[in-house]
Amino acid sequence: GTLLVGHVGKEAKLLNLTTDPRLDPRRLDYHVTVLTMNSNTSLLLETVNFAAEKHRNQRRKDVEQTPYINHPIGVARILSHEGGIADIEVLQAALLHDTVEDTDTSIAELELTFGPTVARIVQEVTDDKTLPKQERKRLQVEHAPHCSHQAKLVKLADKLYNLRDLNRCTPTERVQEYFVWALQVVRGLRGTHPAIEEKLEELFKQRGIAL
């Protein structure tokens, strides 16, 4: 079998459980690898717990009114499970990406709790709720090409999760409008992660629009 672990310096590797020499307990870097893996697991659990507390009273707008926390967890899972992303700070930012926009969380609180990189990624993907909705949507399209690679990854996974959710709905004009708008955002993110972009492209094709 294989095990996906974070390595020193946030590098990630697939380690073969039966043959990889780094998993020999007699080697010093075995202990470093396992320590890093345990540290990353702890960080992710702390991040999930923080996000769950912040979103605890919120529900999604779907028919089932599912708990809101399902969304950020799902976005992080897309990055990890479907995108092979093991950058711990990207996964943390995915879990936290709606906390500033939709709860009482501040960027300063995120920086204090999770560090400047995670806080910066979340800030990049956060809309200014003081602006009208249409202006926020326009700015997402405008800013998408200029985001950091880490923020682009979160944006791609966020759009994929939302579009999959909407694709289960009965087609309506509002849903189609969201797809057309999301297409414009995703165009600005092209070249970030081909595998995730391919999944998005398939959803757009199902709606009769081309990436």
C-alpha atoms as a PDB file:
ATOM      1  CA  GLY A   1       0.000   0.000   0.000  1.00  0.00           C
ATOM      2  CA  THR A   2       0.961   3.646  -0.069  1.00  0.00           C
ATOM      3  CA  LEU A   3       0.749   6.458   2.430  1.00  0.00           C
ATOM      4  CA  LEU A   4       0.537  10.155   1.519  1.00  0.00           C
ATOM      5  CA  VAL A   5       2.498  12.163   4.040  1.00  0.00           C
ATOM      6  CA  GLY A   6       3.872  15.653   4.391  1.00  0.00           C
ATOM      7  CA  HIS A   7       7.661  15.698   4.411  1.00  0.00           C
ATOM      8  CA  VAL A   8      10.020  18.297   5.832  1.00  0.00           C
ATOM      9  CA  GLY A   9       9.556  21.707   4.228  1.00  0.00           C
ATOM     10  CA  LYS A  10       5.957  20.826   3.281  1.00  0.00           C
ATOM     11  CA  GLU A  11       7.116  18.609   0.414  1.00  0.00           C
ATOM     12  CA  ALA A  12       4.739  15.698  -0.051  1.00  0.00           C
ATOM     13  CA  LYS A  13       5.530  12.214  -1.225  1.00  0.00           C
ATOM     14  CA  LEU A  14       3.767   8.896  -1.657  1.00  0.00           C
ATOM     15  CA  LEU A  15       5.597   6.401   0.521  1.00  0.00           C
ATOM     16  CA  ASN A  16       5.331   2.688  -0.201  1.00  0.00           C
ATOM     17  CA  LEU A  17       4.452   1.037   3.085  1.00  0.00           C
ATOM     18  CA  THR A  18       6.310  -2.155   2.260  1.00  0.00           C
ATOM     19  CA  THR A  19       9.418  -1.061   0.373  1.00  0.00           C
ATOM     20  CA  ASP A  20      10.191   2.585   1.063  1.00  0.00           C
ATOM     21  CA  PRO A  21      13.399   2.709   3.120  1.00  0.00           C
ATOM     22  CA  ARG A  22      12.288   5.911   4.853  1.00  0.00           C
ATOM     23  CA  LEU A  23       9.715   3.858   6.763  1.00  0.00           C
ATOM     24  CA  ASP A  24      12.417   1.694   8.323  1.00  0.00           C
ATOM     25  CA  PRO A  25      12.300   2.559  12.060  1.00  0.00           C
ATOM     26  CA  ARG A  26      16.087   2.247  12.240  1.00  0.00           C
ATOM     27  CA  ARG A  27      16.520   5.312  10.029  1.00  0.00           C
ATOM     28  CA  LEU A  28      16.539   8.839  11.447  1.00  0.00           C
ATOM     29  CA  ASP A  29      14.396  10.264   8.635  1.00  0.00           C
ATOM     30  CA  TYR A  30      11.718   7.652   9.436  1.00  0.00           C
ATOM     31  CA  HIS A  31      11.161   9.464  12.710  1.00  0.00           C
ATOM     32  CA  VAL A  32      11.159  12.839  10.940  1.00  0.00           C
ATOM     33  CA  THR A  33       8.591  11.583   8.400  1.00  0.00           C
ATOM     34  CA  VAL A  34       6.262  10.143  11.030  1.00  0.00           C
ATOM     35  CA  LEU A  35       6.646  13.236  13.215  1.00  0.00           C
ATOM     36  CA  THR A  36       5.752  15.480  10.269  1.00  0.00           C
ATOM     37  CA  MET A  37       2.792  13.270   9.356  1.00  0.00           C
ATOM     38  CA  ASN A  38       1.491  13.431  12.924  1.00  0.00           C
ATOM     39  CA  SER A  39       2.055  17.183  13.038  1.00  0.00           C
ATOM     40  CA  ASN A  40       0.128  17.735   9.782  1.00  0.00           C
ATOM     41  CA  THR A  41      -2.727  15.513  10.962  1.00  0.00           C
ATOM     42  CA  SER A  42      -2.935  17.509  14.171  1.00  0.00           C
ATOM     43  CA  LEU A  43      -2.920  20.801  12.242  1.00  0.00           C
ATOM     44  CA  LEU A  44      -5.738  19.661   9.956  1.00  0.00           C
ATOM     45  CA  LEU A  45      -7.836  18.460  12.891  1.00  0.00           C
ATOM     46  CA  GLU A  46      -7.352  21.774  14.675  1.00  0.00           C
ATOM     47  CA  THR A  47      -8.364  23.584  11.482  1.00  0.00           C
ATOM     48  CA  VAL A  48     -11.467  21.435  10.962  1.00  0.00           C
ATOM     49  CA  ASN A  49     -12.474  22.021  14.567  1.00  0.00           C
ATOM     50  CA  PHE A  50     -12.004  25.807  14.222  1.00  0.00           C
ATOM     51  CA  ALA A  51     -14.079  25.907  11.032  1.00  0.00           C
ATOM     52  CA  ALA A  52     -16.790  23.689  12.531  1.00  0.00           C
ATOM     53  CA  GLU A  53     -17.099  25.981  15.543  1.00  0.00           C
ATOM     54  CA  LYS A  54     -17.326  29.078  13.346  1.00  0.00           C
ATOM     55  CA  HIS A  55     -19.943  27.568  10.996  1.00  0.00           C
ATOM     56  CA  ARG A  56     -21.824  25.609  13.694  1.00  0.00           C
ATOM     57  CA  ASN A  57     -25.151  27.444  13.283  1.00  0.00           C
ATOM     58  CA  GLN A  58     -25.062  27.764   9.499  1.00  0.00           C
ATOM     59  CA  ARG A  59     -26.756  25.680   6.821  1.00  0.00           C
ATOM     60  CA  ARG A  60     -26.240  25.426   3.079  1.00  0.00           C
ATOM     61  CA  LYS A  61     -28.935  26.751   0.754  1.00  0.00           C
ATOM     62  CA  ASP A  62     -29.572  23.345  -0.813  1.00  0.00           C
ATOM     63  CA  VAL A  63     -32.923  21.577  -0.511  1.00  0.00           C
ATOM     64  CA  GLU A  64     -31.650  19.369   2.312  1.00  0.00           C
ATOM     65  CA  GLN A  65     -30.237  22.392   4.208  1.00  0.00           C
ATOM     66  CA  THR A  66     -27.077  20.435   4.904  1.00  0.00           C
ATOM     67  CA  PRO A  67     -24.657  21.685   7.598  1.00  0.00           C
ATOM     68  CA  TYR A  68     -22.450  24.425   6.149  1.00  0.00           C
ATOM     69  CA  ILE A  69     -19.260  22.752   7.358  1.00  0.00           C
ATOM     70  CA  ASN A  70     -19.845  20.033   4.733  1.00  0.00           C
ATOM     71  CA  HIS A  71     -18.821  22.587   2.106  1.00  0.00           C
ATOM     72  CA  PRO A  72     -15.308  23.581   3.293  1.00  0.00           C
ATOM     73  CA  ILE A  73     -14.544  19.963   4.190  1.00  0.00           C
ATOM     74  CA  GLY A  74     -15.672  18.957   0.700  1.00  0.00           C
ATOM     75  CA  VAL A  75     -13.501  21.635  -0.916  1.00  0.00           C
ATOM     76  CA  ALA A  76     -10.442  20.440   1.024  1.00  0.00           C
ATOM     77  CA  ARG A  77     -11.249  16.843   0.077  1.00  0.00           C
ATOM     78  CA  ILE A  78     -11.413  17.722  -3.632  1.00  0.00           C
ATOM     79  CA  LEU A  79      -7.933  19.227  -3.382  1.00  0.00           C
ATOM     80  CA  SER A  80      -6.506  16.276  -1.461  1.00  0.00           C
ATOM     81  CA  HIS A  81      -8.413  13.296  -2.878  1.00  0.00           C
ATOM     82  CA  GLU A  82      -9.004  14.372  -6.481  1.00  0.00           C
ATOM     83  CA  GLY A  83      -6.208  16.883  -6.940  1.00  0.00           C
ATOM     84  CA  GLY A  84      -3.427  15.139  -5.025  1.00  0.00           C
ATOM     85  CA  ILE A  85      -2.643  18.376  -3.179  1.00  0.00           C
ATOM     86  CA  ALA A  86      -0.664  17.810   0.030  1.00  0.00           C
ATOM     87  CA  ASP A  87       0.352  21.417   0.762  1.00  0.00           C
ATOM     88  CA  ILE A  88      -0.891  21.650   4.349  1.00  0.00           C
ATOM     89  CA  GLU A  89      -1.479  25.416   4.165  1.00  0.00           C
ATOM     90  CA  VAL A  90      -3.613  25.106   1.020  1.00  0.00           C
ATOM     91  CA  LEU A  91      -5.721  22.410   2.699  1.00  0.00           C
ATOM     92  CA  GLN A  92      -6.068  24.547   5.830  1.00  0.00           C
ATOM     93  CA  ALA A  93      -7.095  27.561   3.748  1.00  0.00           C
ATOM     94  CA  ALA A  94      -9.687  25.421   1.962  1.00  0.00           C
ATOM     95  CA  LEU A  95     -11.187  24.440   5.308  1.00  0.00           C
ATOM     96  CA  LEU A  96     -11.212  28.081   6.420  1.00  0.00           C
ATOM     97  CA  HIS A  97     -12.042  29.796   3.130  1.00  0.00           C
ATOM     98  CA  ASP A  98     -15.523  31.023   4.141  1.00  0.00           C
ATOM     99  CA  THR A  99     -14.831  31.872   7.784  1.00  0.00           C
ATOM    100  CA  VAL A 100     -13.999  35.538   7.228  1.00  0.00           C
ATOM    101  CA  GLU A 101     -16.698  36.070   4.602  1.00  0.00           C
ATOM    102  CA  ASP A 102     -19.523  34.316   6.449  1.00  0.00           C
ATOM    103  CA  THR A 103     -18.683  34.347  10.173  1.00  0.00           C
ATOM    104  CA  ASP A 104     -17.237  36.726  12.755  1.00  0.00           C
ATOM    105  CA  THR A 105     -13.679  35.562  12.017  1.00  0.00           C
ATOM    106  CA  SER A 106     -11.050  38.170  11.119  1.00  0.00           C
ATOM    107  CA  ILE A 107      -7.915  37.837   9.020  1.00  0.00           C
ATOM    108  CA  ALA A 108      -5.930  38.855  12.106  1.00  0.00           C
ATOM    109  CA  GLU A 109      -7.461  35.949  14.054  1.00  0.00           C
ATOM    110  CA  LEU A 110      -6.536  33.506  11.290  1.00  0.00           C
ATOM    111  CA  GLU A 111      -2.988  34.841  11.139  1.00  0.00           C
ATOM    112  CA  LEU A 112      -2.601  34.530  14.901  1.00  0.00           C
ATOM    113  CA  THR A 113      -4.051  31.007  14.943  1.00  0.00           C
ATOM    114  CA  PHE A 114      -2.790  29.496  11.678  1.00  0.00           C
ATOM    115  CA  GLY A 115       0.007  31.767  10.461  1.00  0.00           C
ATOM    116  CA  PRO A 116       0.429  34.413   7.746  1.00  0.00           C
ATOM    117  CA  THR A 117       0.340  32.106   4.701  1.00  0.00           C
ATOM    118  CA  VAL A 118      -3.019  30.519   5.559  1.00  0.00           C
ATOM    119  CA  ALA A 119      -4.448  33.939   6.434  1.00  0.00           C
ATOM    120  CA  ARG A 120      -3.205  35.407   3.146  1.00  0.00           C
ATOM    121  CA  ILE A 121      -4.754  32.613   1.055  1.00  0.00           C
ATOM    122  CA  VAL A 122      -8.101  33.024   2.834  1.00  0.00           C
ATOM    123  CA  GLN A 123      -7.956  36.782   2.329  1.00  0.00           C
ATOM    124  CA  GLU A 124      -7.359  36.285  -1.404  1.00  0.00           C
ATOM    125  CA  VAL A 125     -10.515  34.172  -1.769  1.00  0.00           C
ATOM    126  CA  THR A 126     -12.730  36.311   0.481  1.00  0.00           C
ATOM    127  CA  ASP A 127     -15.358  38.626  -1.016  1.00  0.00           C
ATOM    128  CA  ASP A 128     -16.021  42.058   0.478  1.00  0.00           C
ATOM    129  CA  LYS A 129     -19.549  41.658   1.828  1.00  0.00           C
ATOM    130  CA  THR A 130     -19.981  45.430   2.082  1.00  0.00           C
ATOM    131  CA  LEU A 131     -20.212  45.553  -1.725  1.00  0.00           C
ATOM    132  CA  PRO A 132     -23.348  44.725  -3.744  1.00  0.00           C
ATOM    133  CA  LYS A 133     -23.580  41.112  -4.908  1.00  0.00           C
ATOM    134  CA  GLN A 134     -23.090  41.890  -8.604  1.00  0.00           C
ATOM    135  CA  GLU A 135     -19.993  43.959  -7.850  1.00  0.00           C
ATOM    136  CA  ARG A 136     -18.559  41.102  -5.760  1.00  0.00           C
ATOM    137  CA  LYS A 137     -19.130  38.709  -8.644  1.00  0.00           C
ATOM    138  CA  ARG A 138     -17.507  41.124 -11.114  1.00  0.00           C
ATOM    139  CA  LEU A 139     -14.456  41.463  -8.875  1.00  0.00           C
ATOM    140  CA  GLN A 140     -14.082  37.680  -8.592  1.00  0.00           C
ATOM    141  CA  VAL A 141     -13.793  37.483 -12.373  1.00  0.00           C
ATOM    142  CA  GLU A 142     -11.369  40.423 -12.454  1.00  0.00           C
ATOM    143  CA  HIS A 143      -9.118  39.188  -9.638  1.00  0.00           C
ATOM    144  CA  ALA A 144      -8.981  35.479 -10.529  1.00  0.00           C
ATOM    145  CA  PRO A 145      -5.972  35.641 -12.900  1.00  0.00           C
ATOM    146  CA  HIS A 146      -3.950  37.640 -10.372  1.00  0.00           C
ATOM    147  CA  CYS A 147      -4.343  35.356  -7.346  1.00  0.00           C
ATOM    148  CA  SER A 148      -1.480  33.283  -5.993  1.00  0.00           C
ATOM    149  CA  HIS A 149      -1.235  29.676  -7.139  1.00  0.00           C
ATOM    150  CA  GLN A 150      -2.385  28.522  -3.693  1.00  0.00           C
ATOM    151  CA  ALA A 151      -5.472  30.734  -3.784  1.00  0.00           C
ATOM    152  CA  LYS A 152      -6.274  29.604  -7.329  1.00  0.00           C
ATOM    153  CA  LEU A 153      -6.299  25.996  -6.153  1.00  0.00           C
ATOM    154  CA  VAL A 154      -8.834  26.819  -3.432  1.00  0.00           C
ATOM    155  CA  LYS A 155     -10.962  28.786  -5.894  1.00  0.00           C
ATOM    156  CA  LEU A 156     -11.005  25.925  -8.408  1.00  0.00           C
ATOM    157  CA  ALA A 157     -12.044  23.365  -5.795  1.00  0.00           C
ATOM    158  CA  ASP A 158     -14.660  25.734  -4.385  1.00  0.00           C
ATOM    159  CA  LYS A 159     -16.215  26.244  -7.821  1.00  0.00           C
ATOM    160  CA  LEU A 160     -16.151  22.504  -8.537  1.00  0.00           C
ATOM    161  CA  TYR A 161     -17.928  21.725  -5.272  1.00  0.00           C
ATOM    162  CA  ASN A 162     -20.582  24.416  -5.817  1.00  0.00           C
ATOM    163  CA  LEU A 163     -21.227  23.483  -9.435  1.00  0.00           C
ATOM    164  CA  ARG A 164     -21.605  19.815  -8.553  1.00  0.00           C
ATOM    165  CA  ASP A 165     -24.138  20.831  -5.914  1.00  0.00           C
ATOM    166  CA  LEU A 166     -26.071  22.976  -8.382  1.00  0.00           C
ATOM    167  CA  ASN A 167     -25.894  20.325 -11.081  1.00  0.00           C
ATOM    168  CA  ARG A 168     -28.096  18.125  -8.911  1.00  0.00           C
ATOM    169  CA  CYS A 169     -30.793  20.810  -8.926  1.00  0.00           C
ATOM    170  CA  THR A 170     -33.652  21.134 -11.376  1.00  0.00           C
ATOM    171  CA  PRO A 171     -32.326  23.425 -14.136  1.00  0.00           C
ATOM    172  CA  THR A 172     -33.425  26.999 -13.567  1.00  0.00           C
ATOM    173  CA  GLU A 173     -32.417  30.343 -15.006  1.00  0.00           C
ATOM    174  CA  ARG A 174     -30.627  31.240 -11.757  1.00  0.00           C
ATOM    175  CA  VAL A 175     -28.584  28.021 -11.820  1.00  0.00           C
ATOM    176  CA  GLN A 176     -27.635  28.566 -15.463  1.00  0.00           C
ATOM    177  CA  GLU A 177     -26.607  32.164 -14.681  1.00  0.00           C
ATOM    178  CA  TYR A 178     -24.346  30.871 -11.904  1.00  0.00           C
ATOM    179  CA  PHE A 179     -22.710  28.406 -14.324  1.00  0.00           C
ATOM    180  CA  VAL A 180     -22.090  31.172 -16.883  1.00  0.00           C
ATOM    181  CA  TRP A 181     -20.568  33.427 -14.217  1.00  0.00           C
ATOM    182  CA  ALA A 182     -18.455  30.591 -12.735  1.00  0.00           C
ATOM    183  CA  LEU A 183     -17.135  29.885 -16.237  1.00  0.00           C
ATOM    184  CA  GLN A 184     -15.734  33.416 -16.401  1.00  0.00           C
ATOM    185  CA  VAL A 185     -13.988  32.966 -13.048  1.00  0.00           C
ATOM    186  CA  VAL A 186     -12.561  29.570 -14.005  1.00  0.00           C
ATOM    187  CA  ARG A 187     -11.185  30.980 -17.283  1.00  0.00           C
ATOM    188  CA  GLY A 188      -9.027  33.267 -15.160  1.00  0.00           C
ATOM    189  CA  LEU A 189      -7.710  30.258 -13.240  1.00  0.00           C
ATOM    190  CA  ARG A 190      -6.706  28.159 -16.258  1.00  0.00           C
ATOM    191  CA  GLY A 191      -3.342  26.434 -16.057  1.00  0.00           C
ATOM    192  CA  THR A 192      -3.537  26.011 -12.285  1.00  0.00           C
ATOM    193  CA  HIS A 193      -4.495  22.327 -12.044  1.00  0.00           C
ATOM    194  CA  PRO A 194      -5.385  20.469 -15.270  1.00  0.00           C
ATOM    195  CA  ALA A 195      -7.125  17.538 -13.562  1.00  0.00           C
ATOM    196  CA  ILE A 196      -9.536  19.727 -11.584  1.00  0.00           C
ATOM    197  CA  GLU A 197     -10.059  22.001 -14.587  1.00  0.00           C
ATOM    198  CA  GLU A 198     -10.981  18.954 -16.675  1.00  0.00           C
ATOM    199  CA  LYS A 199     -13.703  18.029 -14.166  1.00  0.00           C
ATOM    200  CA  LEU A 200     -15.030  21.598 -14.332  1.00  0.00           C
ATOM    201  CA  GLU A 201     -14.966  21.549 -18.110  1.00  0.00           C
ATOM    202  CA  GLU A 202     -17.118  18.419 -18.118  1.00  0.00           C
ATOM    203  CA  LEU A 203     -19.729  20.118 -15.912  1.00  0.00           C
ATOM    204  CA  PHE A 204     -19.794  23.159 -18.193  1.00  0.00           C
ATOM    205  CA  LYS A 205     -20.260  20.917 -21.232  1.00  0.00           C
ATOM    206  CA  GLN A 206     -23.254  19.267 -19.554  1.00  0.00           C
ATOM    207  CA  ARG A 207     -24.769  22.757 -19.315  1.00  0.00           C
ATOM    208  CA  GLY A 208     -24.010  23.544 -22.935  1.00  0.00           C
ATOM    209  CA  ILE A 209     -21.253  26.059 -22.278  1.00  0.00           C
ATOM    210  CA  ALA A 210     -17.615  25.723 -23.292  1.00  0.00           C
ATOM    211  CA  LEU A 211     -14.567  26.527 -21.171  1.00  0.00           C
END
